[in-house]
Amino acid sequence: MQGGKYSLESYDSSGFVNRIASTMGISEKTQRDALDILSKAKEKGFATGKNPMAMAVSSLYLSCLANSEKQTQKGLSAASGISMVTIRNRTSSLAKILNWYGLLTKNITA
């Protein structure tokens, strides 16, 4: 702290998407779709104030569902350090703001 001012570093979720996807062996197409989901969430103001790692892993999980790429919340949780509850909640919120809720309920009940 110098001169009474604080400096907070801001992290971009997109770097986390690539790191998690690489760890989990997720396809390039699913990664690109996850980045698109993040971009749309930012445009709608949804990402503001949210944990960037949680946003990254949730967009990746939603993208995996959309692309029928089998990944579990447990596996993504282990790779990212974000709890399965947070992944579930954030994914549900993302699906709602993107009007993808039908996709989410179809995959959860299947």
N, C-alpha and C. Protein backbone atom coordinates (compact mmCIF):
# COMPACT_ATOMS: atom_id res chain seq x y z
N MET A 1 0.86 -1.18 0.00
CA MET A 1 0.00 0.00 0.00
C MET A 1 0.89 1.23 0.00
N GLN A 2 0.67 2.08 -0.96
CA GLN A 2 1.45 3.29 -1.05
C GLN A 2 0.50 4.46 -1.26
N GLY A 3 0.62 5.46 -0.44
CA GLY A 3 -0.22 6.63 -0.57
C GLY A 3 -1.68 6.35 -0.26
N GLY A 4 -1.96 5.31 0.51
CA GLY A 4 -3.32 5.00 0.93
C GLY A 4 -4.19 4.38 -0.16
N LYS A 5 -3.59 3.92 -1.24
CA LYS A 5 -4.38 3.32 -2.31
C LYS A 5 -4.09 1.83 -2.42
N TYR A 6 -5.15 1.09 -2.64
CA TYR A 6 -5.01 -0.35 -2.82
C TYR A 6 -5.06 -0.68 -4.30
N SER A 7 -4.34 -1.70 -4.67
CA SER A 7 -4.37 -2.17 -6.05
C SER A 7 -4.79 -3.63 -6.04
N LEU A 8 -5.91 -3.92 -6.68
CA LEU A 8 -6.38 -5.29 -6.77
C LEU A 8 -6.16 -5.80 -8.19
N GLU A 9 -5.56 -7.00 -8.26
CA GLU A 9 -5.38 -7.60 -9.57
C GLU A 9 -6.68 -8.24 -10.00
N SER A 10 -6.98 -8.08 -11.25
CA SER A 10 -8.17 -8.68 -11.83
C SER A 10 -7.74 -9.85 -12.71
N TYR A 11 -8.42 -10.98 -12.56
CA TYR A 11 -8.08 -12.15 -13.35
C TYR A 11 -9.14 -12.37 -14.42
N ASP A 12 -8.67 -12.79 -15.59
CA ASP A 12 -9.57 -13.07 -16.70
C ASP A 12 -9.88 -14.57 -16.70
N SER A 13 -11.16 -14.90 -16.74
CA SER A 13 -11.61 -16.29 -16.69
C SER A 13 -11.12 -17.11 -17.87
N SER A 14 -10.86 -16.47 -19.01
CA SER A 14 -10.50 -17.23 -20.21
C SER A 14 -9.21 -18.02 -20.05
N GLY A 15 -8.25 -17.49 -19.34
CA GLY A 15 -7.01 -18.23 -19.09
C GLY A 15 -7.26 -19.48 -18.26
N PHE A 16 -8.20 -19.39 -17.35
CA PHE A 16 -8.55 -20.54 -16.53
C PHE A 16 -9.26 -21.61 -17.35
N VAL A 17 -10.07 -21.20 -18.33
CA VAL A 17 -10.75 -22.17 -19.20
C VAL A 17 -9.71 -23.04 -19.89
N ASN A 18 -8.70 -22.41 -20.48
CA ASN A 18 -7.67 -23.16 -21.19
C ASN A 18 -6.90 -24.09 -20.27
N ARG A 19 -6.59 -23.63 -19.07
CA ARG A 19 -5.83 -24.45 -18.13
C ARG A 19 -6.62 -25.68 -17.69
N ILE A 20 -7.89 -25.48 -17.32
CA ILE A 20 -8.73 -26.58 -16.86
C ILE A 20 -8.97 -27.56 -18.01
N ALA A 21 -9.27 -27.03 -19.20
CA ALA A 21 -9.54 -27.88 -20.36
C ALA A 21 -8.32 -28.74 -20.70
N SER A 22 -7.16 -28.16 -20.62
CA SER A 22 -5.93 -28.90 -20.89
C SER A 22 -5.74 -30.02 -19.88
N THR A 23 -5.97 -29.73 -18.62
CA THR A 23 -5.85 -30.73 -17.55
C THR A 23 -6.83 -31.88 -17.75
N MET A 24 -8.05 -31.55 -18.20
CA MET A 24 -9.12 -32.55 -18.32
C MET A 24 -9.19 -33.20 -19.70
N GLY A 25 -8.39 -32.75 -20.65
CA GLY A 25 -8.41 -33.31 -21.99
C GLY A 25 -9.68 -32.96 -22.77
N ILE A 26 -10.18 -31.75 -22.56
CA ILE A 26 -11.40 -31.28 -23.21
C ILE A 26 -11.06 -30.75 -24.60
N SER A 27 -11.93 -31.03 -25.57
CA SER A 27 -11.68 -30.67 -26.97
C SER A 27 -11.59 -29.15 -27.19
N GLU A 28 -10.93 -28.80 -28.30
CA GLU A 28 -10.78 -27.39 -28.68
C GLU A 28 -12.14 -26.74 -28.93
N LYS A 29 -13.05 -27.46 -29.59
CA LYS A 29 -14.37 -26.90 -29.88
C LYS A 29 -15.10 -26.57 -28.59
N THR A 30 -15.05 -27.46 -27.62
CA THR A 30 -15.72 -27.22 -26.34
C THR A 30 -15.08 -26.05 -25.62
N GLN A 31 -13.75 -25.93 -25.72
CA GLN A 31 -13.06 -24.78 -25.12
C GLN A 31 -13.53 -23.48 -25.76
N ARG A 32 -13.59 -23.46 -27.10
CA ARG A 32 -14.04 -22.24 -27.81
C ARG A 32 -15.46 -21.88 -27.42
N ASP A 33 -16.32 -22.89 -27.31
CA ASP A 33 -17.71 -22.64 -26.90
C ASP A 33 -17.78 -22.10 -25.48
N ALA A 34 -16.92 -22.61 -24.60
CA ALA A 34 -16.88 -22.12 -23.22
C ALA A 34 -16.45 -20.65 -23.19
N LEU A 35 -15.49 -20.30 -24.02
CA LEU A 35 -15.05 -18.91 -24.10
C LEU A 35 -16.16 -18.01 -24.63
N ASP A 36 -16.95 -18.54 -25.57
CA ASP A 36 -18.10 -17.80 -26.10
C ASP A 36 -19.15 -17.60 -24.99
N ILE A 37 -19.37 -18.63 -24.20
CA ILE A 37 -20.32 -18.53 -23.07
C ILE A 37 -19.85 -17.45 -22.10
N LEU A 38 -18.56 -17.45 -21.79
CA LEU A 38 -18.00 -16.43 -20.89
C LEU A 38 -18.20 -15.03 -21.46
N SER A 39 -17.95 -14.88 -22.76
CA SER A 39 -18.10 -13.58 -23.40
C SER A 39 -19.54 -13.09 -23.30
N LYS A 40 -20.50 -13.97 -23.56
CA LYS A 40 -21.91 -13.60 -23.47
C LYS A 40 -22.30 -13.25 -22.03
N ALA A 41 -21.75 -14.00 -21.08
CA ALA A 41 -22.05 -13.72 -19.67
C ALA A 41 -21.51 -12.34 -19.28
N LYS A 42 -20.32 -12.00 -19.77
CA LYS A 42 -19.74 -10.68 -19.49
C LYS A 42 -20.57 -9.57 -20.12
N GLU A 43 -21.03 -9.80 -21.37
CA GLU A 43 -21.87 -8.81 -22.05
C GLU A 43 -23.14 -8.51 -21.24
N LYS A 44 -23.69 -9.55 -20.61
CA LYS A 44 -24.92 -9.39 -19.83
C LYS A 44 -24.65 -8.93 -18.40
N GLY A 45 -23.35 -8.72 -18.07
CA GLY A 45 -22.99 -8.24 -16.75
C GLY A 45 -23.03 -9.31 -15.67
N PHE A 46 -23.14 -10.57 -16.09
CA PHE A 46 -23.27 -11.65 -15.12
C PHE A 46 -21.95 -11.98 -14.43
N ALA A 47 -20.85 -11.80 -15.09
CA ALA A 47 -19.54 -12.21 -14.56
C ALA A 47 -18.98 -11.23 -13.52
N THR A 48 -19.51 -10.03 -13.48
CA THR A 48 -19.00 -9.01 -12.58
C THR A 48 -19.13 -9.45 -11.12
N GLY A 49 -18.00 -9.43 -10.43
CA GLY A 49 -17.99 -9.77 -9.01
C GLY A 49 -17.99 -11.26 -8.72
N LYS A 50 -17.95 -12.08 -9.75
CA LYS A 50 -17.94 -13.53 -9.57
C LYS A 50 -16.51 -14.04 -9.60
N ASN A 51 -16.26 -15.13 -8.89
CA ASN A 51 -14.95 -15.76 -8.88
C ASN A 51 -14.61 -16.18 -10.31
N PRO A 52 -13.49 -15.67 -10.88
CA PRO A 52 -13.17 -15.99 -12.27
C PRO A 52 -12.95 -17.48 -12.53
N MET A 53 -12.38 -18.19 -11.56
CA MET A 53 -12.18 -19.63 -11.72
C MET A 53 -13.53 -20.35 -11.75
N ALA A 54 -14.47 -19.93 -10.90
CA ALA A 54 -15.80 -20.53 -10.87
C ALA A 54 -16.53 -20.26 -12.19
N MET A 55 -16.37 -19.06 -12.73
CA MET A 55 -17.00 -18.74 -14.01
C MET A 55 -16.39 -19.60 -15.12
N ALA A 56 -15.09 -19.77 -15.09
CA ALA A 56 -14.41 -20.56 -16.11
C ALA A 56 -14.87 -22.02 -16.09
N VAL A 57 -14.85 -22.63 -14.92
CA VAL A 57 -15.21 -24.04 -14.83
C VAL A 57 -16.69 -24.26 -15.13
N SER A 58 -17.53 -23.33 -14.75
CA SER A 58 -18.96 -23.46 -15.01
C SER A 58 -19.27 -23.31 -16.50
N SER A 59 -18.60 -22.37 -17.16
CA SER A 59 -18.81 -22.22 -18.61
C SER A 59 -18.29 -23.45 -19.34
N LEU A 60 -17.21 -24.01 -18.85
CA LEU A 60 -16.65 -25.22 -19.45
C LEU A 60 -17.60 -26.40 -19.25
N TYR A 61 -18.17 -26.53 -18.08
CA TYR A 61 -19.11 -27.62 -17.82
C TYR A 61 -20.35 -27.48 -18.71
N LEU A 62 -20.88 -26.27 -18.81
CA LEU A 62 -22.05 -26.03 -19.66
C LEU A 62 -21.72 -26.34 -21.12
N SER A 63 -20.54 -25.96 -21.55
CA SER A 63 -20.10 -26.24 -22.91
C SER A 63 -19.94 -27.75 -23.13
N CYS A 64 -19.44 -28.47 -22.14
CA CYS A 64 -19.32 -29.93 -22.24
C CYS A 64 -20.70 -30.55 -22.42
N LEU A 65 -21.68 -30.07 -21.67
CA LEU A 65 -23.05 -30.58 -21.81
C LEU A 65 -23.59 -30.31 -23.21
N ALA A 66 -23.36 -29.11 -23.71
CA ALA A 66 -23.86 -28.72 -25.02
C ALA A 66 -23.23 -29.55 -26.14
N ASN A 67 -21.98 -29.95 -25.94
CA ASN A 67 -21.24 -30.71 -26.96
C ASN A 67 -21.23 -32.22 -26.70
N SER A 68 -22.03 -32.65 -25.74
CA SER A 68 -22.09 -34.08 -25.36
C SER A 68 -20.72 -34.64 -25.04
N GLU A 69 -19.90 -33.81 -24.41
CA GLU A 69 -18.57 -34.25 -23.98
C GLU A 69 -18.66 -34.63 -22.51
N LYS A 70 -18.39 -35.88 -22.24
CA LYS A 70 -18.59 -36.41 -20.89
C LYS A 70 -17.52 -35.91 -19.91
N GLN A 71 -17.94 -35.02 -19.03
CA GLN A 71 -17.09 -34.55 -17.93
C GLN A 71 -17.99 -34.46 -16.70
N THR A 72 -17.45 -34.82 -15.55
CA THR A 72 -18.25 -34.77 -14.33
C THR A 72 -17.94 -33.50 -13.54
N GLN A 73 -18.92 -33.10 -12.76
CA GLN A 73 -18.70 -31.96 -11.86
C GLN A 73 -17.56 -32.29 -10.89
N LYS A 74 -17.49 -33.54 -10.46
CA LYS A 74 -16.45 -33.96 -9.51
C LYS A 74 -15.06 -33.81 -10.13
N GLY A 75 -14.91 -34.24 -11.39
CA GLY A 75 -13.63 -34.12 -12.07
C GLY A 75 -13.23 -32.67 -12.29
N LEU A 76 -14.19 -31.87 -12.73
CA LEU A 76 -13.92 -30.45 -12.94
C LEU A 76 -13.62 -29.74 -11.62
N SER A 77 -14.28 -30.17 -10.56
CA SER A 77 -14.03 -29.61 -9.24
C SER A 77 -12.59 -29.90 -8.80
N ALA A 78 -12.16 -31.13 -9.01
CA ALA A 78 -10.79 -31.51 -8.63
C ALA A 78 -9.75 -30.73 -9.44
N ALA A 79 -10.03 -30.52 -10.73
CA ALA A 79 -9.09 -29.82 -11.61
C ALA A 79 -9.02 -28.32 -11.33
N SER A 80 -10.14 -27.76 -10.82
CA SER A 80 -10.20 -26.30 -10.65
C SER A 80 -10.11 -25.83 -9.21
N GLY A 81 -10.41 -26.71 -8.27
CA GLY A 81 -10.44 -26.30 -6.86
C GLY A 81 -11.74 -25.60 -6.48
N ILE A 82 -12.73 -25.65 -7.36
CA ILE A 82 -14.04 -25.05 -7.10
C ILE A 82 -14.99 -26.16 -6.69
N SER A 83 -15.78 -25.94 -5.65
CA SER A 83 -16.67 -26.99 -5.15
C SER A 83 -17.73 -27.37 -6.17
N MET A 84 -18.20 -28.62 -6.07
CA MET A 84 -19.25 -29.09 -6.98
C MET A 84 -20.52 -28.28 -6.81
N VAL A 85 -20.81 -27.84 -5.59
CA VAL A 85 -22.00 -27.02 -5.33
C VAL A 85 -21.90 -25.69 -6.08
N THR A 86 -20.73 -25.07 -6.03
CA THR A 86 -20.54 -23.80 -6.74
C THR A 86 -20.65 -24.02 -8.25
N ILE A 87 -20.06 -25.09 -8.75
CA ILE A 87 -20.15 -25.39 -10.18
C ILE A 87 -21.61 -25.56 -10.58
N ARG A 88 -22.35 -26.33 -9.80
CA ARG A 88 -23.77 -26.56 -10.09
C ARG A 88 -24.56 -25.26 -10.09
N ASN A 89 -24.37 -24.46 -9.05
CA ASN A 89 -25.12 -23.20 -8.93
C ASN A 89 -24.77 -22.21 -10.04
N ARG A 90 -23.48 -22.05 -10.31
CA ARG A 90 -23.05 -21.09 -11.33
C ARG A 90 -23.49 -21.56 -12.71
N THR A 91 -23.41 -22.88 -12.97
CA THR A 91 -23.83 -23.42 -14.26
C THR A 91 -25.32 -23.19 -14.47
N SER A 92 -26.10 -23.42 -13.44
CA SER A 92 -27.54 -23.20 -13.51
C SER A 92 -27.84 -21.74 -13.83
N SER A 93 -27.15 -20.83 -13.16
CA SER A 93 -27.35 -19.39 -13.41
C SER A 93 -26.94 -19.01 -14.82
N LEU A 94 -25.81 -19.54 -15.30
CA LEU A 94 -25.37 -19.27 -16.67
C LEU A 94 -26.41 -19.76 -17.68
N ALA A 95 -26.91 -20.97 -17.47
CA ALA A 95 -27.90 -21.54 -18.38
C ALA A 95 -29.15 -20.66 -18.43
N LYS A 96 -29.55 -20.14 -17.30
CA LYS A 96 -30.75 -19.29 -17.26
C LYS A 96 -30.54 -17.99 -18.01
N ILE A 97 -29.40 -17.31 -17.78
CA ILE A 97 -29.20 -16.02 -18.44
C ILE A 97 -28.98 -16.18 -19.94
N LEU A 98 -28.51 -17.35 -20.37
CA LEU A 98 -28.28 -17.60 -21.79
C LEU A 98 -29.48 -18.29 -22.44
N ASN A 99 -30.53 -18.49 -21.67
CA ASN A 99 -31.72 -19.21 -22.13
C ASN A 99 -31.38 -20.61 -22.62
N TRP A 100 -30.47 -21.26 -21.91
CA TRP A 100 -30.07 -22.64 -22.22
C TRP A 100 -30.60 -23.59 -21.17
N TYR A 101 -31.57 -23.17 -20.39
CA TYR A 101 -32.02 -23.99 -19.26
C TYR A 101 -32.57 -25.34 -19.71
N GLY A 102 -33.20 -25.40 -20.90
CA GLY A 102 -33.70 -26.67 -21.42
C GLY A 102 -32.58 -27.68 -21.61
N LEU A 103 -31.44 -27.20 -22.10
CA LEU A 103 -30.27 -28.06 -22.27
C LEU A 103 -29.83 -28.64 -20.94
N LEU A 104 -29.80 -27.78 -19.93
CA LEU A 104 -29.33 -28.21 -18.63
C LEU A 104 -30.26 -29.25 -18.02
N THR A 105 -31.56 -29.00 -18.04
CA THR A 105 -32.50 -29.95 -17.44
C THR A 105 -32.54 -31.26 -18.22
N LYS A 106 -32.37 -31.19 -19.55
CA LYS A 106 -32.34 -32.41 -20.36
C LYS A 106 -31.15 -33.29 -19.96
N ASN A 107 -29.99 -32.69 -19.74
CA ASN A 107 -28.80 -33.45 -19.41
C ASN A 107 -28.79 -33.94 -17.97
N ILE A 108 -29.40 -33.21 -17.08
CA ILE A 108 -29.43 -33.63 -15.68
C ILE A 108 -30.40 -34.79 -15.50
N THR A 109 -31.53 -34.77 -16.21
CA THR A 109 -32.53 -35.82 -16.04
C THR A 109 -32.22 -37.05 -16.88
N ALA A 110 -31.34 -36.92 -17.86
CA ALA A 110 -31.02 -38.06 -18.75
C ALA A 110 -30.19 -39.10 -18.03
